[in-house]
Amino acid sequence: MKQFINRVSRLGLALAALTLVGETNLPAQETLDSLIAAAKKEDELVFIAGTSTFGGRKGLADLEAAFNKRFGTKMKISFAAGPDMNARAARHITEIKSGRKVSSDIFLGSQSHQALMHKENALEKVNYAGLFSWVSKEMEIYPGETVLTYTSPNGIVYNKDLIPKDKAPRSYADLVDPKFSSAWAGKIAIPPYVAWLAELSLVWGTEKVKDFTRKLVGISAGRLRYSEEERVVSGEFPIMANFGDALSAMWSWQPKGAPLVAVPGVTPINTDYFQLSVPKNAVHPNLAKLFTAFMASREAQTILQKHESRSSHLVEGTIMQKYLKDNKIAVQEPKLSISYYLKGETDEGLLFKEELAKILKGS
């Protein structure tokens, strides 16, 4: 109990610090008109991200056209594929500390990646909710620094042709329950990552997660990365224990006739919140601020849904907002995982992740 109380206290301090950041140190009053005028003097938006981000070049072309039409700009998106989000965050931090201009005007990352930037004071402070009528304070996952672009609930994915609905798991716990697991024992795929399990410990505690992981490994047939859900669609594996963007995967595959179904693993569902931010020392800071806010607009969300089947649950009318509402599914509050990442890696936390990695490797 004492350990739990100390943990809650540390999380509370981290959240209090984050709240203060959102309430102080914001820039001098800026208006939307003045920002648009400044953005019109900048000719391009440099963006480094994963190859398929926002639908790749086709999606980015649609976003570019919609952005220019809305704001009367002539902006070109200069896009280049880059390393993973952790590496990009580390690169920006190094660039800023050395006094150089950053290599990308905007940065896309989830709670953990934006936490790296936040802790290093590497993000521009912008009063997004005050400047843009379509941005709410709730969308500022890191107040005054980031804006939610799309919501990615985690979950189990399975092939409904191989596992009928009446035998399908309803939660992570069902995956290792002998009453259910006979349908996939020796056939289930596990992601090779520890992050989803580490975050699950925020709900279950470390000992329950370790026990769950051991049982899961004991009935597994192999490992699948989050980009390999096609192997569940094909039937090579009938089920995957966790997929980092389960609902979007289902919405991408089902229109093609694929029998892929996603279900939440826990309630509220563990969720990644992907946000845009503007790193300090951006070459085109005004376009960057405007584009970051634009991606939370209904117009931009429609384009994002078209090309990636992704959207924000906080934007009215999106597929994510409608699905969660219609199915009465609650997502995990961002503050739970944010506080986990803000407090940093403790010796205890690192040891726990090392144990999970060894269990996943079967050692």
Protein backbone atom coordinates (compact mmCIF):
# COMPACT_ATOMS: atom_id res chain seq x y z
CA MET A 1 0.00 0.00 0.00
CA LYS A 2 2.81 2.40 0.88
CA GLN A 3 4.45 1.73 -2.50
CA PHE A 4 1.14 2.40 -4.26
CA ILE A 5 0.64 5.68 -2.39
CA ASN A 6 4.17 6.82 -3.27
CA ARG A 7 3.53 5.95 -6.91
CA VAL A 8 0.28 7.92 -7.00
CA SER A 9 2.09 10.85 -5.38
CA ARG A 10 4.79 10.83 -8.06
CA LEU A 11 2.18 10.67 -10.82
CA GLY A 12 0.33 13.58 -9.23
CA LEU A 13 3.46 15.71 -9.16
CA ALA A 14 4.15 14.93 -12.82
CA LEU A 15 0.61 15.89 -13.80
CA ALA A 16 0.79 19.07 -11.75
CA ALA A 17 3.99 20.05 -13.54
CA LEU A 18 2.36 19.40 -16.91
CA THR A 19 -0.67 21.48 -15.97
CA LEU A 20 1.55 24.39 -15.01
CA VAL A 21 3.27 24.22 -18.38
CA GLY A 22 -0.12 24.58 -20.03
CA GLU A 23 -1.02 27.60 -17.92
CA THR A 24 2.20 29.56 -18.08
CA ASN A 25 4.96 30.58 -20.46
CA LEU A 26 2.64 30.91 -23.45
CA PRO A 27 3.77 33.41 -26.10
CA ALA A 28 2.45 36.95 -26.38
CA GLN A 29 -1.05 37.28 -27.79
CA GLU A 30 -1.23 36.20 -31.42
CA THR A 31 -4.29 36.24 -33.65
CA LEU A 32 -5.33 33.83 -36.35
CA ASP A 33 -5.17 36.61 -38.93
CA SER A 34 -1.63 37.60 -37.96
CA LEU A 35 -0.53 33.96 -38.03
CA ILE A 36 -2.02 33.41 -41.49
CA ALA A 37 -0.35 36.60 -42.74
CA ALA A 38 3.01 35.41 -41.40
CA ALA A 39 2.46 31.93 -42.85
CA LYS A 40 1.86 33.39 -46.32
CA LYS A 41 5.47 34.63 -46.26
CA GLU A 42 6.74 31.06 -45.90
CA ASP A 43 6.80 28.88 -48.99
CA GLU A 44 7.08 25.31 -47.75
CA LEU A 45 6.48 23.00 -44.81
CA VAL A 46 9.29 20.50 -44.26
CA PHE A 47 7.98 17.23 -42.82
CA ILE A 48 9.98 14.10 -41.98
CA ALA A 49 7.96 11.05 -40.93
CA GLY A 50 7.23 7.42 -41.78
CA THR A 51 6.68 6.66 -45.47
CA SER A 52 2.92 6.10 -45.21
CA THR A 53 2.18 8.92 -42.74
CA PHE A 54 -1.08 10.74 -43.52
CA GLY A 55 -1.55 8.47 -46.52
CA GLY A 56 1.88 9.05 -48.00
CA ARG A 57 2.35 11.40 -50.92
CA LYS A 58 -1.26 11.10 -52.17
CA GLY A 59 -2.69 11.97 -48.77
CA LEU A 60 -0.22 14.79 -48.25
CA ALA A 61 -1.10 16.22 -51.67
CA ASP A 62 -4.78 16.31 -50.67
CA LEU A 63 -3.91 17.93 -47.33
CA GLU A 64 -1.72 20.51 -49.05
CA ALA A 65 -4.52 21.47 -51.45
CA ALA A 66 -7.13 21.69 -48.68
CA PHE A 67 -4.81 23.72 -46.45
CA ASN A 68 -4.03 26.26 -49.18
CA LYS A 69 -7.70 26.59 -50.12
CA ARG A 70 -8.71 27.24 -46.52
CA PHE A 71 -6.03 29.75 -45.61
CA GLY A 72 -5.22 31.32 -49.00
CA THR A 73 -1.59 30.18 -48.82
CA LYS A 74 0.67 28.69 -51.49
CA MET A 75 2.42 26.22 -49.22
CA LYS A 76 4.19 23.14 -50.55
CA ILE A 77 4.76 20.15 -48.27
CA SER A 78 8.34 19.01 -48.65
CA PHE A 79 8.08 15.42 -47.39
CA ALA A 80 10.84 12.92 -46.72
CA ALA A 81 10.72 9.49 -45.09
CA GLY A 82 12.72 9.29 -41.89
CA PRO A 83 13.58 6.99 -38.98
CA ASP A 84 11.20 5.97 -36.21
CA MET A 85 9.63 8.50 -33.87
CA ASN A 86 12.11 7.98 -31.03
CA ALA A 87 15.02 8.62 -33.38
CA ARG A 88 13.37 11.70 -34.86
CA ALA A 89 12.69 13.15 -31.41
CA ALA A 90 16.30 12.53 -30.37
CA ARG A 91 17.51 14.18 -33.58
CA HIS A 92 15.41 17.30 -32.98
CA ILE A 93 16.61 17.59 -29.40
CA THR A 94 20.23 17.38 -30.57
CA GLU A 95 19.62 19.97 -33.29
CA ILE A 96 17.99 22.39 -30.85
CA LYS A 97 20.68 22.00 -28.21
CA SER A 98 23.36 22.73 -30.80
CA GLY A 99 21.52 25.88 -31.95
CA ARG A 100 20.79 24.53 -35.43
CA LYS A 101 17.51 24.74 -37.32
CA VAL A 102 15.51 21.54 -36.93
CA SER A 103 15.26 19.17 -39.89
CA SER A 104 11.44 18.97 -39.78
CA ASP A 105 9.04 21.86 -39.15
CA ILE A 106 6.53 19.59 -37.42
CA PHE A 107 6.88 16.46 -35.32
CA LEU A 108 4.38 13.59 -35.13
CA GLY A 109 4.55 11.33 -32.09
CA SER A 110 2.54 9.58 -29.40
CA GLN A 111 2.65 10.28 -25.65
CA SER A 112 6.08 8.74 -25.15
CA HIS A 113 7.72 10.55 -28.07
CA GLN A 114 6.22 13.93 -27.23
CA ALA A 115 7.28 13.39 -23.60
CA LEU A 116 10.91 13.29 -24.77
CA MET A 117 10.45 16.63 -26.51
CA HIS A 118 8.49 18.15 -23.62
CA LYS A 119 11.04 17.19 -20.96
CA GLU A 120 13.83 18.71 -23.03
CA ASN A 121 11.86 21.96 -23.48
CA ALA A 122 12.11 21.40 -27.23
CA LEU A 123 8.60 22.44 -28.26
CA GLU A 124 7.17 25.82 -29.20
CA LYS A 125 4.48 27.11 -26.83
CA VAL A 126 1.30 27.89 -28.76
CA ASN A 127 -2.15 28.84 -27.48
CA TYR A 128 -3.87 26.44 -29.88
CA ALA A 129 -7.29 26.39 -28.21
CA GLY A 130 -7.24 30.18 -27.96
CA LEU A 131 -6.19 30.75 -31.59
CA PHE A 132 -8.22 28.12 -33.42
CA SER A 133 -11.96 27.77 -32.86
CA TRP A 134 -11.96 24.08 -33.82
CA VAL A 135 -9.23 23.13 -31.32
CA SER A 136 -10.40 22.37 -27.79
CA LYS A 137 -8.23 22.33 -24.67
CA GLU A 138 -8.81 18.57 -24.48
CA MET A 139 -7.08 18.21 -27.86
CA GLU A 140 -3.92 19.75 -26.40
CA ILE A 141 -2.60 16.51 -24.97
CA TYR A 142 0.49 18.38 -23.74
CA PRO A 143 -1.11 21.77 -22.99
CA GLY A 144 0.21 24.58 -25.16
CA GLU A 145 2.55 22.23 -27.03
CA THR A 146 0.77 19.44 -28.93
CA VAL A 147 -2.53 18.87 -30.73
CA LEU A 148 -4.17 15.45 -31.09
CA THR A 149 -4.11 14.33 -34.71
CA TYR A 150 -5.43 10.77 -34.47
CA THR A 151 -6.46 8.32 -31.77
CA SER A 152 -5.10 4.76 -31.88
CA PRO A 153 -6.76 2.33 -29.46
CA ASN A 154 -4.84 -0.90 -28.92
CA GLY A 155 -6.63 -4.23 -29.08
CA ILE A 156 -6.77 -7.84 -30.09
CA VAL A 157 -7.23 -8.61 -33.80
CA TYR A 158 -8.47 -11.94 -35.09
CA ASN A 159 -9.66 -13.70 -38.25
CA LYS A 160 -13.40 -14.24 -37.91
CA ASP A 161 -13.32 -17.06 -40.48
CA LEU A 162 -11.09 -19.02 -38.12
CA ILE A 163 -12.43 -17.85 -34.76
CA PRO A 164 -16.20 -17.35 -34.71
CA LYS A 165 -17.62 -14.49 -32.67
CA ASP A 166 -19.06 -16.74 -29.95
CA LYS A 167 -15.60 -18.16 -29.27
CA ALA A 168 -13.63 -14.94 -29.69
CA PRO A 169 -11.84 -13.26 -26.75
CA ARG A 170 -13.49 -10.26 -25.11
CA SER A 171 -10.35 -9.06 -23.31
CA TYR A 172 -6.62 -9.69 -22.88
CA ALA A 173 -7.42 -11.88 -19.87
CA ASP A 174 -9.44 -14.25 -22.08
CA LEU A 175 -6.36 -14.90 -24.22
CA VAL A 176 -4.78 -17.02 -21.48
CA ASP A 177 -7.97 -18.34 -19.86
CA PRO A 178 -8.23 -22.11 -20.53
CA LYS A 179 -12.01 -21.71 -20.93
CA PHE A 180 -11.35 -19.73 -24.14
CA SER A 181 -7.75 -20.28 -25.21
CA SER A 182 -8.19 -23.77 -26.65
CA ALA A 183 -9.37 -22.08 -29.86
CA TRP A 184 -5.96 -20.45 -30.43
CA ALA A 185 -3.46 -22.24 -28.17
CA GLY A 186 -0.33 -22.93 -30.18
CA LYS A 187 -1.54 -20.62 -32.94
CA ILE A 188 -1.64 -17.10 -31.46
CA ALA A 189 0.84 -14.41 -32.53
CA ILE A 190 2.40 -11.95 -30.07
CA PRO A 191 3.94 -8.55 -30.90
CA PRO A 192 7.65 -8.52 -30.05
CA TYR A 193 7.39 -5.23 -28.12
CA VAL A 194 7.36 -4.62 -24.37
CA ALA A 195 5.74 -1.15 -24.51
CA TRP A 196 2.12 -2.35 -24.65
CA LEU A 197 2.74 -4.72 -21.75
CA ALA A 198 4.53 -2.03 -19.73
CA GLU A 199 1.57 0.32 -20.21
CA LEU A 200 -0.84 -2.48 -19.34
CA SER A 201 0.85 -2.59 -15.93
CA LEU A 202 -0.63 0.84 -15.21
CA VAL A 203 -3.98 -0.94 -15.06
CA TRP A 204 -3.05 -4.44 -13.92
CA GLY A 205 0.15 -3.96 -11.95
CA THR A 206 3.54 -5.49 -12.76
CA GLU A 207 3.07 -8.96 -11.27
CA LYS A 208 -0.19 -9.64 -13.10
CA VAL A 209 1.38 -8.48 -16.37
CA LYS A 210 4.39 -10.74 -15.93
CA ASP A 211 2.13 -13.71 -15.17
CA PHE A 212 -0.03 -12.89 -18.20
CA THR A 213 3.05 -12.60 -20.45
CA ARG A 214 4.44 -15.96 -19.34
CA LYS A 215 1.11 -17.67 -20.05
CA LEU A 216 0.82 -15.90 -23.40
CA VAL A 217 4.29 -16.97 -24.48
CA GLY A 218 3.46 -20.51 -23.43
CA ILE A 219 0.63 -20.78 -25.98
CA SER A 220 2.13 -18.62 -28.73
CA ALA A 221 3.10 -19.67 -32.23
CA GLY A 222 5.31 -16.73 -33.19
CA ARG A 223 5.85 -12.99 -33.23
CA LEU A 224 4.23 -10.38 -35.48
CA ARG A 225 5.11 -6.71 -35.83
CA TYR A 226 2.36 -4.13 -36.00
CA SER A 227 2.85 -3.82 -39.76
CA GLU A 228 2.19 -7.52 -40.35
CA GLU A 229 -1.54 -7.87 -39.70
CA GLU A 230 -1.90 -9.28 -43.23
CA ARG A 231 -0.65 -12.59 -41.82
CA VAL A 232 -3.76 -12.69 -39.62
CA VAL A 233 -5.93 -11.76 -42.61
CA SER A 234 -4.36 -14.60 -44.63
CA GLY A 235 -5.02 -17.10 -41.84
CA GLU A 236 -1.37 -17.90 -41.13
CA PHE A 237 -2.19 -16.85 -37.56
CA PRO A 238 -5.85 -16.84 -36.49
CA ILE A 239 -5.31 -14.16 -33.86
CA MET A 240 -2.82 -11.54 -32.65
CA ALA A 241 -2.63 -10.72 -28.94
CA ASN A 242 -2.28 -6.98 -29.49
CA PHE A 243 -2.20 -4.54 -32.38
CA GLY A 244 -1.20 -0.94 -31.82
CA ASP A 245 -3.89 0.55 -34.04
CA ALA A 246 -6.47 -2.21 -33.97
CA LEU A 247 -9.58 -0.32 -35.06
CA SER A 248 -7.86 1.41 -37.98
CA ALA A 249 -6.51 -1.95 -39.14
CA MET A 250 -10.04 -3.38 -39.08
CA TRP A 251 -11.44 -0.39 -41.00
CA SER A 252 -8.66 -0.63 -43.58
CA TRP A 253 -9.13 -4.35 -44.25
CA GLN A 254 -12.86 -4.99 -43.94
CA PRO A 255 -13.82 -2.87 -47.02
CA LYS A 256 -11.55 -5.21 -49.02
CA GLY A 257 -13.57 -8.20 -47.81
CA ALA A 258 -10.95 -9.27 -45.26
CA PRO A 259 -12.27 -11.11 -42.17
CA LEU A 260 -10.28 -8.99 -39.68
CA VAL A 261 -12.02 -8.03 -36.43
CA ALA A 262 -10.70 -5.91 -33.55
CA VAL A 263 -11.77 -6.01 -29.90
CA PRO A 264 -10.55 -3.94 -26.92
CA GLY A 265 -8.16 -5.68 -24.56
CA VAL A 266 -9.12 -3.70 -21.46
CA THR A 267 -11.75 -1.15 -20.49
CA PRO A 268 -11.14 1.78 -20.76
CA ILE A 269 -9.21 0.72 -23.84
CA ASN A 270 -5.44 1.36 -23.74
CA THR A 271 -4.79 4.04 -26.33
CA ASP A 272 -1.98 5.80 -28.16
CA TYR A 273 -2.62 9.48 -28.86
CA PHE A 274 -0.66 10.67 -31.89
CA GLN A 275 -0.06 14.41 -31.81
CA LEU A 276 1.57 17.08 -33.90
CA SER A 277 3.87 19.67 -32.39
CA VAL A 278 6.23 22.40 -33.58
CA PRO A 279 9.85 21.91 -32.51
CA LYS A 280 11.82 24.98 -31.53
CA ASN A 281 14.09 26.42 -34.25
CA ALA A 282 11.69 25.40 -37.04
CA VAL A 283 12.57 26.92 -40.41
CA HIS A 284 8.91 27.66 -41.16
CA PRO A 285 7.30 28.11 -37.72
CA ASN A 286 4.15 29.93 -38.82
CA LEU A 287 3.13 27.36 -41.40
CA ALA A 288 3.99 24.70 -38.84
CA LYS A 289 1.65 26.14 -36.19
CA LEU A 290 -1.14 26.57 -38.72
CA PHE A 291 -0.76 23.05 -40.11
CA THR A 292 -0.61 21.49 -36.64
CA ALA A 293 -3.97 23.04 -35.81
CA PHE A 294 -5.38 22.33 -39.29
CA MET A 295 -4.92 18.58 -38.81
CA ALA A 296 -7.49 18.71 -36.00
CA SER A 297 -10.11 20.25 -38.30
CA ARG A 298 -13.01 18.20 -39.68
CA GLU A 299 -11.75 18.87 -43.19
CA ALA A 300 -8.30 17.44 -42.54
CA GLN A 301 -9.74 14.52 -40.57
CA THR A 302 -11.87 13.52 -43.56
CA ILE A 303 -8.74 13.34 -45.72
CA LEU A 304 -6.89 11.37 -43.04
CA GLN A 305 -9.76 8.88 -42.81
CA LYS A 306 -9.82 8.46 -46.58
CA HIS A 307 -6.14 7.60 -46.87
CA GLU A 308 -5.33 5.93 -43.53
CA SER A 309 -8.63 5.00 -41.83
CA ARG A 310 -7.39 7.06 -38.88
CA SER A 311 -9.01 9.95 -37.06
CA SER A 312 -9.41 11.72 -33.73
CA HIS A 313 -12.11 10.69 -31.28
CA LEU A 314 -12.39 14.36 -30.27
CA VAL A 315 -13.51 15.60 -33.68
CA GLU A 316 -17.27 15.33 -34.13
CA GLY A 317 -18.37 13.10 -36.99
CA THR A 318 -15.16 11.11 -37.47
CA ILE A 319 -15.29 7.35 -37.76
CA MET A 320 -13.39 7.03 -34.48
CA GLN A 321 -15.72 9.38 -32.62
CA LYS A 322 -18.83 7.61 -33.95
CA TYR A 323 -17.54 4.08 -33.29
CA LEU A 324 -16.54 4.74 -29.69
CA LYS A 325 -19.82 6.54 -29.02
CA ASP A 326 -22.07 3.98 -30.70
CA ASN A 327 -20.35 1.05 -28.99
CA LYS A 328 -20.08 2.85 -25.64
CA ILE A 329 -16.31 2.27 -25.54
CA ALA A 330 -14.25 4.47 -23.25
CA VAL A 331 -10.61 5.23 -24.09
CA GLN A 332 -7.91 5.45 -21.47
CA GLU A 333 -7.35 8.98 -20.23
CA PRO A 334 -4.15 10.43 -21.78
CA LYS A 335 -2.97 11.65 -18.36
CA LEU A 336 -2.45 8.06 -17.18
CA SER A 337 0.24 7.21 -19.73
CA ILE A 338 1.53 10.80 -19.93
CA SER A 339 2.42 10.80 -16.26
CA TYR A 340 4.11 7.43 -16.70
CA TYR A 341 6.39 8.82 -19.42
CA LEU A 342 6.95 12.18 -17.76
CA LYS A 343 8.33 10.67 -14.60
CA GLY A 344 10.95 8.91 -16.72
CA GLU A 345 12.49 5.49 -16.49
CA THR A 346 13.12 4.46 -12.90
CA ASP A 347 15.47 1.62 -12.05
CA GLU A 348 12.41 -0.39 -11.10
CA GLY A 349 10.72 0.37 -14.42
CA LEU A 350 13.80 -0.54 -16.46
CA LEU A 351 14.15 -3.82 -14.56
CA PHE A 352 10.49 -4.61 -15.24
CA LYS A 353 10.93 -4.00 -18.98
CA GLU A 354 14.05 -6.17 -19.00
CA GLU A 355 12.07 -8.97 -17.36
CA LEU A 356 9.31 -8.63 -19.94
CA ALA A 357 11.82 -8.73 -22.80
CA LYS A 358 13.32 -11.95 -21.41
CA ILE A 359 9.89 -13.54 -21.02
CA LEU A 360 8.98 -12.61 -24.61
CA LYS A 361 12.20 -14.20 -25.83
CA GLY A 362 11.34 -17.33 -23.88
CA SER A 363 14.41 -17.09 -21.65
